[in-house]
Protein backbone atom coordinates (compact mmCIF):
# COMPACT_ATOMS: atom_id res chain seq x y z
CA MET A 1 169.69 36.23 104.44
CA ILE A 2 169.22 36.78 100.69
CA ASP A 3 167.48 33.40 100.30
CA LEU A 4 165.02 34.26 103.04
CA LEU A 5 164.26 37.62 101.47
CA GLU A 6 163.67 36.01 98.06
CA ARG A 7 161.38 33.43 99.65
CA PHE A 8 159.31 36.23 101.23
CA LYS A 9 159.09 38.05 97.90
CA GLU A 10 157.92 34.83 96.26
CA GLN A 11 155.28 34.36 98.97
CA GLN A 12 154.10 37.94 98.33
CA ARG A 13 153.75 37.23 94.60
CA ASP A 14 151.81 34.04 95.38
CA LEU A 15 149.47 35.92 97.71
CA LYS A 16 148.79 38.59 95.09
CA SER A 17 147.99 36.00 92.44
CA THR A 18 145.73 33.85 94.62
CA LEU A 19 143.88 36.16 97.01
CA PRO A 20 141.37 38.90 96.17
CA GLU A 21 142.28 42.53 96.96
CA SER A 22 139.66 42.58 99.72
CA GLN A 23 141.57 39.88 101.61
CA LEU A 24 145.03 41.32 100.87
CA ILE A 25 144.00 44.46 102.74
CA PHE A 26 143.51 42.42 105.93
CA LEU A 27 147.03 41.00 105.47
CA HIS A 28 148.53 44.51 105.10
CA TYR A 29 149.89 43.39 101.76
CA ARG A 30 151.12 46.76 100.51
CA SER A 31 152.99 47.46 103.76
CA ILE A 32 154.85 44.15 103.53
CA ASP A 33 155.46 44.74 99.84
CA ASN A 34 157.01 48.14 100.59
CA PHE A 35 159.16 46.65 103.36
CA LEU A 36 160.50 43.98 101.03
CA TYR A 37 161.08 46.49 98.24
CA HIS A 38 163.35 48.68 100.41
CA PHE A 39 164.92 45.93 102.54
CA ASN A 40 168.38 46.15 100.96
CA GLU A 41 168.56 49.88 101.77
CA ILE A 42 168.70 49.14 105.50
CA LYS A 43 172.33 49.63 106.53
CA SER A 44 172.55 47.77 109.82
CA GLU A 45 172.89 43.98 109.61
CA LEU A 46 171.44 43.68 113.10
CA VAL A 47 168.31 45.59 112.06
CA LYS A 48 168.02 43.48 108.90
CA ARG A 49 168.11 40.29 110.96
CA LYS A 50 165.46 41.65 113.33
CA ILE A 51 163.20 42.62 110.40
CA LEU A 52 163.64 39.17 108.85
CA GLU A 53 162.64 37.59 112.17
CA TYR A 54 159.44 39.64 112.25
CA LEU A 55 158.72 38.86 108.60
CA GLU A 56 159.27 35.14 109.13
CA LYS A 57 156.90 35.10 112.12
CA TYR A 58 154.39 37.14 110.11
CA PHE A 59 154.40 34.74 107.15
CA VAL A 60 154.15 31.70 109.46
CA GLU A 61 151.20 33.21 111.30
CA ILE A 62 149.23 34.20 108.22
CA LYS A 63 149.84 30.76 106.70
CA GLU A 64 148.60 29.06 109.88
CA LYS A 65 145.35 31.02 109.53
CA ASP A 66 145.13 30.01 105.86
CA TYR A 67 145.47 33.68 104.87
CA PHE A 68 142.02 34.54 106.20
CA PHE A 69 141.74 37.28 108.80
CA ASP A 70 138.82 39.26 110.12
CA ASN A 71 139.13 42.86 111.26
CA THR A 72 140.16 42.02 114.84
CA GLU A 73 142.83 39.51 113.79
CA SER A 74 144.07 41.94 111.15
CA ASN A 75 144.48 44.61 113.79
CA TYR A 76 146.36 42.13 115.97
CA ILE A 77 148.93 41.23 113.29
CA SER A 78 149.25 44.89 112.39
CA GLN A 79 150.19 45.75 115.97
CA LYS A 80 152.39 42.69 116.35
CA TYR A 81 154.35 42.88 113.09
CA ILE A 82 153.61 45.86 110.83
CA LYS A 83 154.03 48.44 113.57
CA ASN A 84 157.28 46.90 114.82
CA ILE A 85 158.82 46.50 111.37
CA GLY A 86 157.60 49.95 110.39
CA THR A 87 159.45 51.50 113.32
CA TYR A 88 162.76 50.35 111.85
CA TYR A 89 161.85 51.60 108.38
CA ASN A 90 160.55 54.87 109.75
CA TYR A 91 163.83 55.51 111.55
CA ASP A 92 166.22 54.26 108.85
CA LEU A 93 164.42 55.13 105.60
CA ASN A 94 161.90 57.82 106.56
CA PHE A 95 158.79 55.69 106.00
CA LYS A 96 155.44 57.24 106.95
CA VAL A 97 152.30 55.73 108.46
CA TYR A 98 149.46 55.60 105.94
CA ILE A 99 146.23 57.33 106.95
CA PRO A 100 143.13 56.32 104.95
CA ILE A 101 141.16 59.21 103.43
CA LYS A 102 138.05 58.37 105.46
CA ARG A 103 140.01 58.57 108.69
CA ALA A 104 141.72 61.81 107.66
CA ILE A 105 138.38 63.45 106.89
CA PHE A 106 136.78 62.03 110.03
CA ILE A 107 139.54 63.39 112.27
CA GLY A 108 139.50 66.76 110.52
CA LEU A 109 135.72 67.10 110.77
CA ASN A 110 135.70 66.22 114.46
CA ILE A 111 138.32 68.84 115.24
CA ASP A 112 136.48 71.39 113.09
CA ILE A 113 133.23 70.66 114.95
CA ILE A 114 134.99 71.24 118.27
CA LEU A 115 136.45 74.48 116.91
CA PHE A 116 132.99 75.49 115.70
CA LEU A 117 131.35 74.76 119.05
CA THR A 118 134.01 76.73 120.93
CA GLY A 119 133.62 79.65 118.54
CA LEU A 120 137.20 79.48 117.28
CA LEU A 121 136.20 78.51 113.73
CA LYS A 122 134.50 81.86 113.14
CA LYS A 123 137.92 83.52 113.34
CA VAL A 124 138.79 81.83 110.04
CA TYR A 125 135.38 82.54 108.49
CA TYR A 126 134.02 79.06 109.26
CA LEU A 127 136.53 77.44 106.94
CA PRO A 128 136.99 73.76 107.92
CA ILE A 129 140.75 74.17 108.21
CA CYS A 130 141.47 70.87 109.96
CA THR A 131 139.50 68.85 107.42
CA ILE A 132 141.35 70.61 104.62
CA PHE A 133 144.70 70.08 106.38
CA PHE A 134 144.18 66.34 106.93
CA THR A 135 142.92 65.84 103.38
CA ILE A 136 145.96 67.64 101.97
CA TYR A 137 148.21 65.60 104.28
CA PHE A 138 146.60 62.39 102.98
CA LEU A 139 147.25 63.48 99.38
CA TYR A 140 150.81 64.47 100.27
CA LEU A 141 151.49 61.02 101.75
CA LEU A 142 149.97 59.28 98.76
CA LEU A 143 151.71 61.39 96.13
CA PHE A 144 155.18 61.64 97.63
CA TYR A 145 155.61 58.60 99.85
CA GLY A 146 153.22 56.28 98.03
CA LYS A 147 155.09 56.62 94.75
CA GLN A 148 158.37 55.93 96.56
CA LYS A 149 156.77 52.86 98.22
CA LYS A 150 157.54 54.31 101.65
CA LEU A 151 154.17 53.88 103.35
CA TYR A 152 152.98 51.31 105.85
CA GLY A 153 150.06 50.94 108.18
CA PHE A 154 146.87 49.22 109.22
CA LYS A 155 145.12 47.66 106.21
CA TYR A 156 147.67 49.10 103.82
């Protein structure tokens, strides 16, 4: 089990040294990096074996594609591997799903527009409360969970 983990860490280092950041995003490099960093903190041997199975399949699949993924394929491997591995880490180690700032603002603005159109936003003096909330939540995730390397998600 330790040999397999070390091999995955070595593959991660190789990816970082050979691929540009723009391509690493499509491979969800930081998510995998965070998973490997905290792997030994998982208590259950059964869960560790399951995570290693997912990681092995992940590394085989990205190697078969020669480490090049477009947006659709990136979404596919995110759903197939990152989401499943992340579920274990979320439950065992309190990992959080990363939300990009653009998405946080987009969601907040859409909700604020709905509140504006329904007249509910005037009750808080037209303050875009949802946009502010999601932006603060993004910063919270980045500052507290990002520094602890406890984030995972699509293109992270």
